[in-house]
Amino acid sequence: MNFQIDCHNEVLAGYFTGATIKHLTGRPLSEYPVSIPPLAEQRRIVAIIEQQIGMVNALETQLAASRATAANLLSDVIAELSNQRGVGDED
């Protein structure tokens, strides 16, 4: 079942407590049926998520390497500019 759909079509109304302010407490919520996909589908979902996590980790590693390279290049440029200023600054 879809929780949002059940909320709109009043299926959840039987699970709420309270007269004016409705509450969905733990006990009624524990009685609400939740559909779980078959085990094969769960495994397929996990495999997809693990693949995506692997891709994210690889991208994070590449990003860290790119940032380190950029920092090194910036340091080299600053050092080169400092050296160039020092050479022609004799009075």
N, C-alpha and C. Protein backbone atom coordinates (compact mmCIF):
# COMPACT_ATOMS: atom_id res chain seq x y z
N MET A 1 0.83 -1.19 0.00
CA MET A 1 0.00 0.00 0.00
C MET A 1 0.88 1.25 0.00
N ASN A 2 0.34 2.30 -0.55
CA ASN A 2 1.05 3.56 -0.59
C ASN A 2 0.49 4.48 0.49
N PHE A 3 1.34 4.89 1.42
CA PHE A 3 0.94 5.68 2.57
C PHE A 3 0.25 6.98 2.16
N GLN A 4 0.81 7.66 1.18
CA GLN A 4 0.25 8.94 0.74
C GLN A 4 -1.14 8.74 0.11
N ILE A 5 -1.29 7.73 -0.69
CA ILE A 5 -2.59 7.45 -1.31
C ILE A 5 -3.61 7.11 -0.23
N ASP A 6 -3.19 6.27 0.74
CA ASP A 6 -4.10 5.90 1.82
C ASP A 6 -4.49 7.09 2.68
N CYS A 7 -3.63 8.06 2.78
CA CYS A 7 -3.94 9.28 3.52
C CYS A 7 -5.04 10.07 2.81
N HIS A 8 -4.94 10.15 1.49
CA HIS A 8 -5.92 10.91 0.72
C HIS A 8 -7.26 10.19 0.57
N ASN A 9 -7.26 8.87 0.53
CA ASN A 9 -8.53 8.15 0.32
C ASN A 9 -9.15 7.67 1.63
N GLU A 10 -8.68 8.25 2.76
CA GLU A 10 -9.28 8.02 4.08
C GLU A 10 -9.03 6.63 4.67
N VAL A 11 -8.19 5.81 4.05
CA VAL A 11 -7.87 4.50 4.62
C VAL A 11 -7.18 4.68 5.97
N LEU A 12 -6.32 5.70 6.08
CA LEU A 12 -5.60 5.94 7.34
C LEU A 12 -6.49 6.46 8.45
N ALA A 13 -7.66 6.96 8.13
CA ALA A 13 -8.55 7.54 9.14
C ALA A 13 -8.82 6.56 10.27
N GLY A 14 -8.90 5.29 9.96
CA GLY A 14 -9.15 4.28 10.98
C GLY A 14 -7.98 4.04 11.91
N TYR A 15 -6.79 4.53 11.53
CA TYR A 15 -5.59 4.34 12.34
C TYR A 15 -5.32 5.53 13.26
N PHE A 16 -5.97 6.67 13.01
CA PHE A 16 -5.73 7.87 13.81
C PHE A 16 -6.45 7.83 15.15
N THR A 17 -5.86 8.51 16.13
CA THR A 17 -6.51 8.70 17.42
C THR A 17 -6.71 10.20 17.62
N GLY A 18 -7.60 10.59 18.52
CA GLY A 18 -7.83 12.01 18.81
C GLY A 18 -9.08 12.51 18.12
N ALA A 19 -9.77 13.42 18.81
CA ALA A 19 -11.03 13.94 18.28
C ALA A 19 -10.81 15.14 17.36
N THR A 20 -10.01 16.12 17.81
CA THR A 20 -9.81 17.33 17.00
C THR A 20 -8.46 17.31 16.30
N ILE A 21 -7.41 16.99 17.01
CA ILE A 21 -6.09 16.87 16.41
C ILE A 21 -5.78 15.39 16.26
N LYS A 22 -5.66 14.95 15.05
CA LYS A 22 -5.46 13.54 14.77
C LYS A 22 -3.99 13.16 15.00
N HIS A 23 -3.80 11.99 15.60
CA HIS A 23 -2.47 11.46 15.87
C HIS A 23 -2.36 10.06 15.27
N LEU A 24 -1.19 9.75 14.80
CA LEU A 24 -0.91 8.39 14.34
C LEU A 24 0.19 7.86 15.25
N THR A 25 -0.22 7.17 16.29
CA THR A 25 0.72 6.71 17.31
C THR A 25 1.36 5.39 16.89
N GLY A 26 2.30 4.94 17.69
CA GLY A 26 3.06 3.74 17.37
C GLY A 26 2.24 2.48 17.19
N ARG A 27 1.29 2.25 18.08
CA ARG A 27 0.50 1.01 17.99
C ARG A 27 -0.30 0.95 16.69
N PRO A 28 -1.13 1.97 16.37
CA PRO A 28 -1.85 1.89 15.09
C PRO A 28 -0.90 1.85 13.88
N LEU A 29 0.19 2.57 13.98
CA LEU A 29 1.14 2.55 12.87
C LEU A 29 1.73 1.16 12.68
N SER A 30 1.97 0.45 13.79
CA SER A 30 2.52 -0.90 13.69
C SER A 30 1.52 -1.87 13.05
N GLU A 31 0.24 -1.52 13.05
CA GLU A 31 -0.79 -2.36 12.45
C GLU A 31 -1.04 -2.02 10.98
N TYR A 32 -0.47 -0.92 10.51
CA TYR A 32 -0.66 -0.50 9.12
C TYR A 32 0.13 -1.46 8.21
N PRO A 33 -0.52 -2.05 7.22
CA PRO A 33 0.18 -2.99 6.34
C PRO A 33 1.16 -2.27 5.41
N VAL A 34 2.36 -2.80 5.34
CA VAL A 34 3.40 -2.24 4.47
C VAL A 34 3.81 -3.31 3.47
N SER A 35 3.72 -2.97 2.20
CA SER A 35 4.12 -3.92 1.15
C SER A 35 5.63 -3.97 1.05
N ILE A 36 6.14 -5.17 0.98
CA ILE A 36 7.58 -5.39 0.83
C ILE A 36 7.79 -6.14 -0.47
N PRO A 37 8.70 -5.65 -1.31
CA PRO A 37 8.92 -6.35 -2.58
C PRO A 37 9.49 -7.75 -2.35
N PRO A 38 9.33 -8.62 -3.32
CA PRO A 38 9.89 -9.96 -3.20
C PRO A 38 11.41 -9.89 -3.01
N LEU A 39 11.97 -10.94 -2.44
CA LEU A 39 13.39 -10.97 -2.11
C LEU A 39 14.27 -10.71 -3.34
N ALA A 40 13.90 -11.25 -4.47
CA ALA A 40 14.69 -11.04 -5.69
C ALA A 40 14.73 -9.55 -6.06
N GLU A 41 13.59 -8.88 -5.91
CA GLU A 41 13.53 -7.44 -6.20
C GLU A 41 14.34 -6.65 -5.19
N GLN A 42 14.28 -7.03 -3.92
CA GLN A 42 15.08 -6.37 -2.89
C GLN A 42 16.57 -6.49 -3.21
N ARG A 43 16.98 -7.68 -3.64
CA ARG A 43 18.40 -7.89 -3.99
C ARG A 43 18.80 -7.04 -5.19
N ARG A 44 17.90 -6.92 -6.16
CA ARG A 44 18.18 -6.10 -7.35
C ARG A 44 18.34 -4.63 -6.93
N ILE A 45 17.47 -4.17 -6.03
CA ILE A 45 17.54 -2.78 -5.55
C ILE A 45 18.86 -2.55 -4.81
N VAL A 46 19.23 -3.49 -3.96
CA VAL A 46 20.50 -3.37 -3.21
C VAL A 46 21.68 -3.34 -4.17
N ALA A 47 21.67 -4.19 -5.19
CA ALA A 47 22.76 -4.22 -6.16
C ALA A 47 22.89 -2.88 -6.88
N ILE A 48 21.77 -2.28 -7.26
CA ILE A 48 21.79 -0.99 -7.94
C ILE A 48 22.34 0.09 -7.01
N ILE A 49 21.89 0.09 -5.76
CA ILE A 49 22.36 1.08 -4.79
C ILE A 49 23.85 0.92 -4.54
N GLU A 50 24.31 -0.32 -4.38
CA GLU A 50 25.74 -0.55 -4.17
C GLU A 50 26.56 -0.08 -5.36
N GLN A 51 26.04 -0.29 -6.57
CA GLN A 51 26.73 0.19 -7.77
C GLN A 51 26.81 1.71 -7.76
N GLN A 52 25.73 2.37 -7.41
CA GLN A 52 25.70 3.83 -7.36
C GLN A 52 26.66 4.36 -6.28
N ILE A 53 26.69 3.70 -5.13
CA ILE A 53 27.61 4.10 -4.07
C ILE A 53 29.06 3.96 -4.54
N GLY A 54 29.35 2.89 -5.25
CA GLY A 54 30.70 2.71 -5.81
C GLY A 54 31.07 3.83 -6.76
N MET A 55 30.11 4.24 -7.59
CA MET A 55 30.37 5.34 -8.52
C MET A 55 30.59 6.65 -7.77
N VAL A 56 29.80 6.90 -6.73
CA VAL A 56 29.96 8.12 -5.94
C VAL A 56 31.34 8.12 -5.27
N ASN A 57 31.73 6.99 -4.71
CA ASN A 57 33.05 6.91 -4.06
C ASN A 57 34.18 7.17 -5.05
N ALA A 58 34.06 6.62 -6.25
CA ALA A 58 35.08 6.85 -7.28
C ALA A 58 35.13 8.33 -7.67
N LEU A 59 33.97 8.95 -7.81
CA LEU A 59 33.92 10.37 -8.15
C LEU A 59 34.50 11.23 -7.04
N GLU A 60 34.24 10.87 -5.78
CA GLU A 60 34.82 11.61 -4.66
C GLU A 60 36.34 11.50 -4.66
N THR A 61 36.86 10.33 -4.98
CA THR A 61 38.31 10.14 -5.05
C THR A 61 38.90 10.99 -6.18
N GLN A 62 38.24 11.00 -7.34
CA GLN A 62 38.70 11.82 -8.45
C GLN A 62 38.64 13.30 -8.10
N LEU A 63 37.60 13.72 -7.43
CA LEU A 63 37.45 15.12 -7.04
C LEU A 63 38.56 15.53 -6.08
N ALA A 64 38.86 14.68 -5.11
CA ALA A 64 39.94 14.98 -4.16
C ALA A 64 41.27 15.11 -4.89
N ALA A 65 41.52 14.22 -5.84
CA ALA A 65 42.76 14.28 -6.61
C ALA A 65 42.81 15.55 -7.46
N SER A 66 41.70 15.92 -8.06
CA SER A 66 41.65 17.14 -8.87
C SER A 66 41.88 18.38 -8.02
N ARG A 67 41.32 18.39 -6.82
CA ARG A 67 41.53 19.53 -5.92
C ARG A 67 42.99 19.62 -5.49
N ALA A 68 43.61 18.49 -5.22
CA ALA A 68 45.02 18.49 -4.84
C ALA A 68 45.88 18.99 -6.00
N THR A 69 45.57 18.55 -7.21
CA THR A 69 46.31 19.01 -8.39
C THR A 69 46.13 20.51 -8.57
N ALA A 70 44.91 21.00 -8.42
CA ALA A 70 44.66 22.43 -8.56
C ALA A 70 45.41 23.23 -7.51
N ALA A 71 45.44 22.75 -6.28
CA ALA A 71 46.17 23.45 -5.22
C ALA A 71 47.66 23.48 -5.51
N ASN A 72 48.20 22.38 -6.02
CA ASN A 72 49.62 22.34 -6.37
C ASN A 72 49.93 23.28 -7.52
N LEU A 73 49.08 23.31 -8.52
CA LEU A 73 49.29 24.21 -9.65
C LEU A 73 49.22 25.67 -9.21
N LEU A 74 48.28 25.99 -8.35
CA LEU A 74 48.16 27.35 -7.84
C LEU A 74 49.41 27.75 -7.06
N SER A 75 49.91 26.84 -6.24
CA SER A 75 51.15 27.11 -5.49
C SER A 75 52.32 27.34 -6.44
N ASP A 76 52.40 26.54 -7.47
CA ASP A 76 53.48 26.70 -8.45
C ASP A 76 53.39 28.05 -9.17
N VAL A 77 52.18 28.46 -9.54
CA VAL A 77 51.99 29.75 -10.22
C VAL A 77 52.37 30.89 -9.29
N ILE A 78 51.95 30.82 -8.04
CA ILE A 78 52.28 31.87 -7.07
C ILE A 78 53.78 31.93 -6.85
N ALA A 79 54.41 30.77 -6.75
CA ALA A 79 55.87 30.74 -6.55
C ALA A 79 56.58 31.32 -7.77
N GLU A 80 56.12 30.98 -8.95
CA GLU A 80 56.74 31.50 -10.18
C GLU A 80 56.57 33.01 -10.28
N LEU A 81 55.39 33.51 -9.94
CA LEU A 81 55.17 34.96 -9.96
C LEU A 81 56.05 35.66 -8.94
N SER A 82 56.20 35.07 -7.79
CA SER A 82 57.07 35.64 -6.75
C SER A 82 58.51 35.68 -7.22
N ASN A 83 58.97 34.63 -7.89
CA ASN A 83 60.34 34.58 -8.41
C ASN A 83 60.56 35.62 -9.50
N GLN A 84 59.56 35.81 -10.37
CA GLN A 84 59.69 36.79 -11.45
C GLN A 84 59.76 38.20 -10.89
N ARG A 85 59.03 38.51 -9.87
CA ARG A 85 59.07 39.84 -9.26
C ARG A 85 60.42 40.08 -8.60
N GLY A 86 60.98 39.05 -7.99
CA GLY A 86 62.26 39.19 -7.30
C GLY A 86 63.41 39.43 -8.25
N VAL A 87 63.34 38.91 -9.48
CA VAL A 87 64.44 39.06 -10.42
C VAL A 87 64.57 40.48 -10.93
N GLY A 88 63.48 41.16 -11.25
CA GLY A 88 63.55 42.48 -11.84
C GLY A 88 63.39 43.61 -10.85
N ASP A 89 63.40 43.36 -9.55
CA ASP A 89 63.14 44.38 -8.55
C ASP A 89 64.40 45.06 -8.02
N GLU A 90 65.54 44.85 -8.63
CA GLU A 90 66.77 45.46 -8.13
C GLU A 90 66.81 46.94 -8.49
N ASP A 91 67.13 47.79 -7.52
CA ASP A 91 67.20 49.23 -7.76
C ASP A 91 68.62 49.71 -7.88
